[in-house]
């Protein structure tokens, strides 16, 4: 097992290494849509790239989610065939969001032997999400 400090150090080392390996300005929170973002996640069990709809106004979140749902078949067929959709996910902090995500299992931020394949997964998946967003931004925007 890793101590909390060792785990923190590994996470930091991974993300610095990722940034150096794939230097790019990712869209992430700069989607120009309030509470609509793209996220990277990597922990001891899996890596994930997601589109999160976090709007506190439920009506606005539902409206945005319905637009994404209308593009579901395109997103799956042309960009992310393994995408998962869930209109209601409760985060650890109790906040409810809607999420589209893709995961890579059998990788761990604590195992440096899985870092390269994880970095490539994160990069490739985020590039596809950004391409999808660029193509359909006018439809997705409120």
Foldseek 3Di string as FASTA:
>chain_A
DDDPVRQVVLVVVLVVVLCVVDVDDACAPVLVAPQWGWDWDAAAWKTKIKTKRQDPPVVVQVVLVVLVVVCVVVCCPPFNVQKDWDQWDQDPVRGTITMIMDMDGPDHSVDPVCSVVNSVVRVRNSVSVVVVCVVCVVSNHD
